[in-house]
Amino acid sequence: MGEGKYAVEWMRLSCHAFQHSAVRRELFVLGYHLGNFLRRLALQMAEVAVTRGLFAQILTRIKLLSPVPT
């Protein structure tokens, strides 16, 4: 239930052109699935034989990928 509770928001057409709304919706879904994949990957990596230090290094490198605010 938690993942689908925002499904109504996904289907909201905020753009006037149907194609623009479809592209926006697809980008939103792609971003959602990418975030979900990365979250699951991090949890799975924590469960296997990865040392605490190595996991911390991986998280640090992921943070370095974030853009620097201007």
PDB file of N, CA and C in Angstrom:
ATOM      1  N   MET A   1       0.826  -1.193   0.000  1.00  0.00           N
ATOM      2  CA  MET A   1       0.000   0.000   0.000  1.00  0.00           C
ATOM      3  C   MET A   1       0.867   1.252   0.000  1.00  0.00           C
ATOM      4  N   GLY A   2       2.019   1.202   0.655  1.00  0.00           N
ATOM      5  CA  GLY A   2       2.864   2.380   0.765  1.00  0.00           C
ATOM      6  C   GLY A   2       3.378   2.882  -0.568  1.00  0.00           C
ATOM      7  N   GLU A   3       3.754   1.951  -1.469  1.00  0.00           N
ATOM      8  CA  GLU A   3       4.316   2.376  -2.751  1.00  0.00           C
ATOM      9  C   GLU A   3       3.263   2.954  -3.684  1.00  0.00           C
ATOM     10  N   GLY A   4       2.044   2.499  -3.569  1.00  0.00           N
ATOM     11  CA  GLY A   4       1.015   2.936  -4.508  1.00  0.00           C
ATOM     12  C   GLY A   4       0.156   4.076  -4.015  1.00  0.00           C
ATOM     13  N   LYS A   5       0.420   4.585  -2.803  1.00  0.00           N
ATOM     14  CA  LYS A   5      -0.476   5.610  -2.281  1.00  0.00           C
ATOM     15  C   LYS A   5      -0.362   6.927  -3.029  1.00  0.00           C
ATOM     16  N   TYR A   6       0.724   7.130  -3.770  1.00  0.00           N
ATOM     17  CA  TYR A   6       0.876   8.354  -4.553  1.00  0.00           C
ATOM     18  C   TYR A   6       0.540   8.131  -6.031  1.00  0.00           C
ATOM     19  N   ALA A   7      -0.068   7.007  -6.349  1.00  0.00           N
ATOM     20  CA  ALA A   7      -0.384   6.688  -7.747  1.00  0.00           C
ATOM     21  C   ALA A   7      -1.286   7.733  -8.377  1.00  0.00           C
ATOM     22  N   VAL A   8      -2.179   8.309  -7.599  1.00  0.00           N
ATOM     23  CA  VAL A   8      -3.069   9.349  -8.137  1.00  0.00           C
ATOM     24  C   VAL A   8      -2.242  10.545  -8.577  1.00  0.00           C
ATOM     25  N   GLU A   9      -1.211  10.903  -7.815  1.00  0.00           N
ATOM     26  CA  GLU A   9      -0.355  12.029  -8.176  1.00  0.00           C
ATOM     27  C   GLU A   9       0.417  11.744  -9.456  1.00  0.00           C
ATOM     28  N   TRP A  10       0.811  10.476  -9.667  1.00  0.00           N
ATOM     29  CA  TRP A  10       1.555  10.118 -10.880  1.00  0.00           C
ATOM     30  C   TRP A  10       0.726  10.377 -12.127  1.00  0.00           C
ATOM     31  N   MET A  11      -0.577  10.161 -12.001  1.00  0.00           N
ATOM     32  CA  MET A  11      -1.438  10.242 -13.168  1.00  0.00           C
ATOM     33  C   MET A  11      -1.951  11.658 -13.423  1.00  0.00           C
ATOM     34  N   ARG A  12      -1.654  12.589 -12.538  1.00  0.00           N
ATOM     35  CA  ARG A  12      -2.112  13.972 -12.711  1.00  0.00           C
ATOM     36  C   ARG A  12      -1.442  14.571 -13.945  1.00  0.00           C
ATOM     37  N   LEU A  13      -2.214  15.179 -14.792  1.00  0.00           N
ATOM     38  CA  LEU A  13      -1.686  15.793 -16.003  1.00  0.00           C
ATOM     39  C   LEU A  13      -1.447  17.273 -15.729  1.00  0.00           C
ATOM     40  N   SER A  14      -0.189  17.639 -15.487  1.00  0.00           N
ATOM     41  CA  SER A  14       0.110  19.026 -15.165  1.00  0.00           C
ATOM     42  C   SER A  14       0.420  19.846 -16.412  1.00  0.00           C
ATOM     43  N   CYS A  15       0.728  19.186 -17.493  1.00  0.00           N
ATOM     44  CA  CYS A  15       1.020  19.893 -18.749  1.00  0.00           C
ATOM     45  C   CYS A  15      -0.233  19.857 -19.628  1.00  0.00           C
ATOM     46  N   HIS A  16      -0.352  20.857 -20.476  1.00  0.00           N
ATOM     47  CA  HIS A  16      -1.530  20.940 -21.330  1.00  0.00           C
ATOM     48  C   HIS A  16      -1.457  19.957 -22.496  1.00  0.00           C
ATOM     49  N   ALA A  17      -0.261  19.733 -23.018  1.00  0.00           N
ATOM     50  CA  ALA A  17      -0.113  18.793 -24.132  1.00  0.00           C
ATOM     51  C   ALA A  17       0.018  17.372 -23.580  1.00  0.00           C
ATOM     52  N   PHE A  18      -0.694  16.446 -24.196  1.00  0.00           N
ATOM     53  CA  PHE A  18      -0.678  15.062 -23.716  1.00  0.00           C
ATOM     54  C   PHE A  18       0.729  14.476 -23.773  1.00  0.00           C
ATOM     55  N   GLN A  19       1.488  14.765 -24.845  1.00  0.00           N
ATOM     56  CA  GLN A  19       2.840  14.209 -24.974  1.00  0.00           C
ATOM     57  C   GLN A  19       3.747  14.720 -23.861  1.00  0.00           C
ATOM     58  N   HIS A  20       3.632  15.978 -23.501  1.00  0.00           N
ATOM     59  CA  HIS A  20       4.454  16.536 -22.433  1.00  0.00           C
ATOM     60  C   HIS A  20       4.120  15.869 -21.103  1.00  0.00           C
ATOM     61  N   SER A  21       2.841  15.643 -20.863  1.00  0.00           N
ATOM     62  CA  SER A  21       2.422  14.979 -19.635  1.00  0.00           C
ATOM     63  C   SER A  21       2.934  13.550 -19.590  1.00  0.00           C
ATOM     64  N   ALA A  22       2.891  12.867 -20.740  1.00  0.00           N
ATOM     65  CA  ALA A  22       3.363  11.484 -20.796  1.00  0.00           C
ATOM     66  C   ALA A  22       4.862  11.417 -20.526  1.00  0.00           C
ATOM     67  N   VAL A  23       5.623  12.333 -21.096  1.00  0.00           N
ATOM     68  CA  VAL A  23       7.068  12.356 -20.872  1.00  0.00           C
ATOM     69  C   VAL A  23       7.365  12.655 -19.410  1.00  0.00           C
ATOM     70  N   ARG A  24       6.665  13.619 -18.847  1.00  0.00           N
ATOM     71  CA  ARG A  24       6.881  13.966 -17.441  1.00  0.00           C
ATOM     72  C   ARG A  24       6.560  12.784 -16.533  1.00  0.00           C
ATOM     73  N   ARG A  25       5.471  12.096 -16.813  1.00  0.00           N
ATOM     74  CA  ARG A  25       5.082  10.937 -16.011  1.00  0.00           C
ATOM     75  C   ARG A  25       6.123   9.826 -16.136  1.00  0.00           C
ATOM     76  N   GLU A  26       6.626   9.582 -17.336  1.00  0.00           N
ATOM     77  CA  GLU A  26       7.637   8.538 -17.532  1.00  0.00           C
ATOM     78  C   GLU A  26       8.939   8.881 -16.824  1.00  0.00           C
ATOM     79  N   LEU A  27       9.326  10.153 -16.837  1.00  0.00           N
ATOM     80  CA  LEU A  27      10.538  10.563 -16.122  1.00  0.00           C
ATOM     81  C   LEU A  27      10.367  10.387 -14.617  1.00  0.00           C
ATOM     82  N   PHE A  28       9.185  10.722 -14.110  1.00  0.00           N
ATOM     83  CA  PHE A  28       8.910  10.547 -12.693  1.00  0.00           C
ATOM     84  C   PHE A  28       9.001   9.069 -12.301  1.00  0.00           C
ATOM     85  N   VAL A  29       8.389   8.206 -13.105  1.00  0.00           N
ATOM     86  CA  VAL A  29       8.403   6.769 -12.816  1.00  0.00           C
ATOM     87  C   VAL A  29       9.829   6.230 -12.904  1.00  0.00           C
ATOM     88  N   LEU A  30      10.587   6.680 -13.900  1.00  0.00           N
ATOM     89  CA  LEU A  30      11.978   6.256 -14.026  1.00  0.00           C
ATOM     90  C   LEU A  30      12.788   6.669 -12.796  1.00  0.00           C
ATOM     91  N   GLY A  31      12.613   7.898 -12.348  1.00  0.00           N
ATOM     92  CA  GLY A  31      13.311   8.372 -11.155  1.00  0.00           C
ATOM     93  C   GLY A  31      12.911   7.592  -9.909  1.00  0.00           C
ATOM     94  N   TYR A  32      11.636   7.295  -9.801  1.00  0.00           N
ATOM     95  CA  TYR A  32      11.145   6.520  -8.663  1.00  0.00           C
ATOM     96  C   TYR A  32      11.793   5.144  -8.633  1.00  0.00           C
ATOM     97  N   HIS A  33      11.804   4.474  -9.782  1.00  0.00           N
ATOM     98  CA  HIS A  33      12.377   3.133  -9.841  1.00  0.00           C
ATOM     99  C   HIS A  33      13.892   3.151  -9.642  1.00  0.00           C
ATOM    100  N   LEU A  34      14.564   4.168 -10.127  1.00  0.00           N
ATOM    101  CA  LEU A  34      16.008   4.278  -9.912  1.00  0.00           C
ATOM    102  C   LEU A  34      16.309   4.447  -8.424  1.00  0.00           C
ATOM    103  N   GLY A  35      15.567   5.318  -7.758  1.00  0.00           N
ATOM    104  CA  GLY A  35      15.757   5.499  -6.321  1.00  0.00           C
ATOM    105  C   GLY A  35      15.458   4.235  -5.545  1.00  0.00           C
ATOM    106  N   ASN A  36      14.398   3.538  -5.928  1.00  0.00           N
ATOM    107  CA  ASN A  36      14.040   2.286  -5.272  1.00  0.00           C
ATOM    108  C   ASN A  36      15.125   1.233  -5.489  1.00  0.00           C
ATOM    109  N   PHE A  37      15.674   1.161  -6.695  1.00  0.00           N
ATOM    110  CA  PHE A  37      16.753   0.221  -6.998  1.00  0.00           C
ATOM    111  C   PHE A  37      17.990   0.507  -6.155  1.00  0.00           C
ATOM    112  N   LEU A  38      18.368   1.779  -6.050  1.00  0.00           N
ATOM    113  CA  LEU A  38      19.554   2.134  -5.267  1.00  0.00           C
ATOM    114  C   LEU A  38      19.339   1.848  -3.781  1.00  0.00           C
ATOM    115  N   ARG A  39      18.140   2.093  -3.289  1.00  0.00           N
ATOM    116  CA  ARG A  39      17.842   1.795  -1.884  1.00  0.00           C
ATOM    117  C   ARG A  39      17.950   0.301  -1.613  1.00  0.00           C
ATOM    118  N   ARG A  40      17.380  -0.502  -2.487  1.00  0.00           N
ATOM    119  CA  ARG A  40      17.452  -1.955  -2.311  1.00  0.00           C
ATOM    120  C   ARG A  40      18.883  -2.460  -2.462  1.00  0.00           C
ATOM    121  N   LEU A  41      19.631  -1.889  -3.379  1.00  0.00           N
ATOM    122  CA  LEU A  41      21.019  -2.289  -3.568  1.00  0.00           C
ATOM    123  C   LEU A  41      21.827  -2.013  -2.309  1.00  0.00           C
ATOM    124  N   ALA A  42      21.626  -0.850  -1.713  1.00  0.00           N
ATOM    125  CA  ALA A  42      22.352  -0.505  -0.488  1.00  0.00           C
ATOM    126  C   ALA A  42      22.002  -1.466   0.643  1.00  0.00           C
ATOM    127  N   LEU A  43      20.715  -1.817   0.769  1.00  0.00           N
ATOM    128  CA  LEU A  43      20.322  -2.761   1.828  1.00  0.00           C
ATOM    129  C   LEU A  43      20.891  -4.145   1.575  1.00  0.00           C
ATOM    130  N   GLN A  44      20.930  -4.580   0.295  1.00  0.00           N
ATOM    131  CA  GLN A  44      21.467  -5.898  -0.019  1.00  0.00           C
ATOM    132  C   GLN A  44      22.979  -5.939   0.206  1.00  0.00           C
ATOM    133  N   MET A  45      23.657  -4.851  -0.129  1.00  0.00           N
ATOM    134  CA  MET A  45      25.102  -4.808   0.091  1.00  0.00           C
ATOM    135  C   MET A  45      25.418  -4.880   1.579  1.00  0.00           C
ATOM    136  N   ALA A  46      24.561  -4.299   2.400  1.00  0.00           N
ATOM    137  CA  ALA A  46      24.782  -4.310   3.840  1.00  0.00           C
ATOM    138  C   ALA A  46      24.580  -5.712   4.421  1.00  0.00           C
ATOM    139  N   GLU A  47      23.820  -6.552   3.748  1.00  0.00           N
ATOM    140  CA  GLU A  47      23.521  -7.889   4.261  1.00  0.00           C
ATOM    141  C   GLU A  47      24.557  -8.929   3.861  1.00  0.00           C
ATOM    142  N   VAL A  48      25.335  -8.683   2.838  1.00  0.00           N
ATOM    143  CA  VAL A  48      26.329  -9.662   2.394  1.00  0.00           C
ATOM    144  C   VAL A  48      27.652  -9.386   3.090  1.00  0.00           C
ATOM    145  N   ALA A  49      28.670 -10.144   2.712  1.00  0.00           N
ATOM    146  CA  ALA A  49      29.967 -10.052   3.384  1.00  0.00           C
ATOM    147  C   ALA A  49      30.745  -8.820   2.929  1.00  0.00           C
ATOM    148  N   VAL A  50      30.205  -7.652   3.185  1.00  0.00           N
ATOM    149  CA  VAL A  50      30.891  -6.401   2.905  1.00  0.00           C
ATOM    150  C   VAL A  50      31.253  -5.800   4.252  1.00  0.00           C
ATOM    151  N   THR A  51      32.517  -5.489   4.421  1.00  0.00           N
ATOM    152  CA  THR A  51      32.944  -4.943   5.706  1.00  0.00           C
ATOM    153  C   THR A  51      32.330  -3.565   5.921  1.00  0.00           C
ATOM    154  N   ARG A  52      32.249  -3.179   7.169  1.00  0.00           N
ATOM    155  CA  ARG A  52      31.679  -1.876   7.512  1.00  0.00           C
ATOM    156  C   ARG A  52      32.481  -0.745   6.863  1.00  0.00           C
ATOM    157  N   GLY A  53      33.814  -0.885   6.847  1.00  0.00           N
ATOM    158  CA  GLY A  53      34.669   0.143   6.254  1.00  0.00           C
ATOM    159  C   GLY A  53      34.450   0.286   4.757  1.00  0.00           C
ATOM    160  N   LEU A  54      34.344  -0.852   4.063  1.00  0.00           N
ATOM    161  CA  LEU A  54      34.112  -0.815   2.615  1.00  0.00           C
ATOM    162  C   LEU A  54      32.756  -0.201   2.303  1.00  0.00           C
ATOM    163  N   PHE A  55      31.742  -0.562   3.087  1.00  0.00           N
ATOM    164  CA  PHE A  55      30.408  -0.001   2.873  1.00  0.00           C
ATOM    165  C   PHE A  55      30.424   1.510   3.092  1.00  0.00           C
ATOM    166  N   ALA A  56      31.156   1.962   4.095  1.00  0.00           N
ATOM    167  CA  ALA A  56      31.264   3.401   4.353  1.00  0.00           C
ATOM    168  C   ALA A  56      31.957   4.103   3.188  1.00  0.00           C
ATOM    169  N   GLN A  57      32.986   3.483   2.622  1.00  0.00           N
ATOM    170  CA  GLN A  57      33.667   4.074   1.464  1.00  0.00           C
ATOM    171  C   GLN A  57      32.726   4.182   0.269  1.00  0.00           C
ATOM    172  N   ILE A  58      31.921   3.157   0.055  1.00  0.00           N
ATOM    173  CA  ILE A  58      30.973   3.176  -1.062  1.00  0.00           C
ATOM    174  C   ILE A  58      29.967   4.311  -0.882  1.00  0.00           C
ATOM    175  N   LEU A  59      29.440   4.456   0.333  1.00  0.00           N
ATOM    176  CA  LEU A  59      28.482   5.535   0.589  1.00  0.00           C
ATOM    177  C   LEU A  59      29.125   6.907   0.418  1.00  0.00           C
ATOM    178  N   THR A  60      30.384   7.037   0.830  1.00  0.00           N
ATOM    179  CA  THR A  60      31.096   8.305   0.660  1.00  0.00           C
ATOM    180  C   THR A  60      31.260   8.636  -0.816  1.00  0.00           C
ATOM    181  N   ARG A  61      31.599   7.642  -1.606  1.00  0.00           N
ATOM    182  CA  ARG A  61      31.763   7.888  -3.050  1.00  0.00           C
ATOM    183  C   ARG A  61      30.438   8.223  -3.725  1.00  0.00           C
ATOM    184  N   ILE A  62      29.348   7.624  -3.253  1.00  0.00           N
ATOM    185  CA  ILE A  62      28.027   7.963  -3.799  1.00  0.00           C
ATOM    186  C   ILE A  62      27.699   9.416  -3.482  1.00  0.00           C
ATOM    187  N   LYS A  63      28.014   9.855  -2.256  1.00  0.00           N
ATOM    188  CA  LYS A  63      27.768  11.252  -1.888  1.00  0.00           C
ATOM    189  C   LYS A  63      28.576  12.205  -2.747  1.00  0.00           C
ATOM    190  N   LEU A  64      29.787  11.799  -3.144  1.00  0.00           N
ATOM    191  CA  LEU A  64      30.623  12.660  -3.986  1.00  0.00           C
ATOM    192  C   LEU A  64      30.030  12.835  -5.393  1.00  0.00           C
ATOM    193  N   LEU A  65      29.155  11.918  -5.783  1.00  0.00           N
ATOM    194  CA  LEU A  65      28.514  12.031  -7.091  1.00  0.00           C
ATOM    195  C   LEU A  65      27.454  13.127  -7.119  1.00  0.00           C
ATOM    196  N   SER A  66      26.977  13.541  -5.956  1.00  0.00           N
ATOM    197  CA  SER A  66      25.953  14.575  -5.884  1.00  0.00           C
ATOM    198  C   SER A  66      26.509  15.898  -6.379  1.00  0.00           C
ATOM    199  N   PRO A  67      25.701  16.663  -7.109  1.00  0.00           N
ATOM    200  CA  PRO A  67      26.181  17.974  -7.571  1.00  0.00           C
ATOM    201  C   PRO A  67      26.378  18.930  -6.390  1.00  0.00           C
ATOM    202  N   VAL A  68      27.364  19.755  -6.530  1.00  0.00           N
ATOM    203  CA  VAL A  68      27.654  20.748  -5.496  1.00  0.00           C
ATOM    204  C   VAL A  68      26.719  21.933  -5.682  1.00  0.00           C
ATOM    205  N   PRO A  69      26.001  22.359  -4.611  1.00  0.00           N
ATOM    206  CA  PRO A  69      25.102  23.517  -4.773  1.00  0.00           C
ATOM    207  C   PRO A  69      25.891  24.790  -5.047  1.00  0.00           C
ATOM    208  N   THR A  70      25.345  25.623  -5.897  1.00  0.00           N
ATOM    209  CA  THR A  70      26.033  26.867  -6.255  1.00  0.00           C
ATOM    210  C   THR A  70      25.463  28.017  -5.478  1.00  0.00           C
TER     211      THR A  70
END
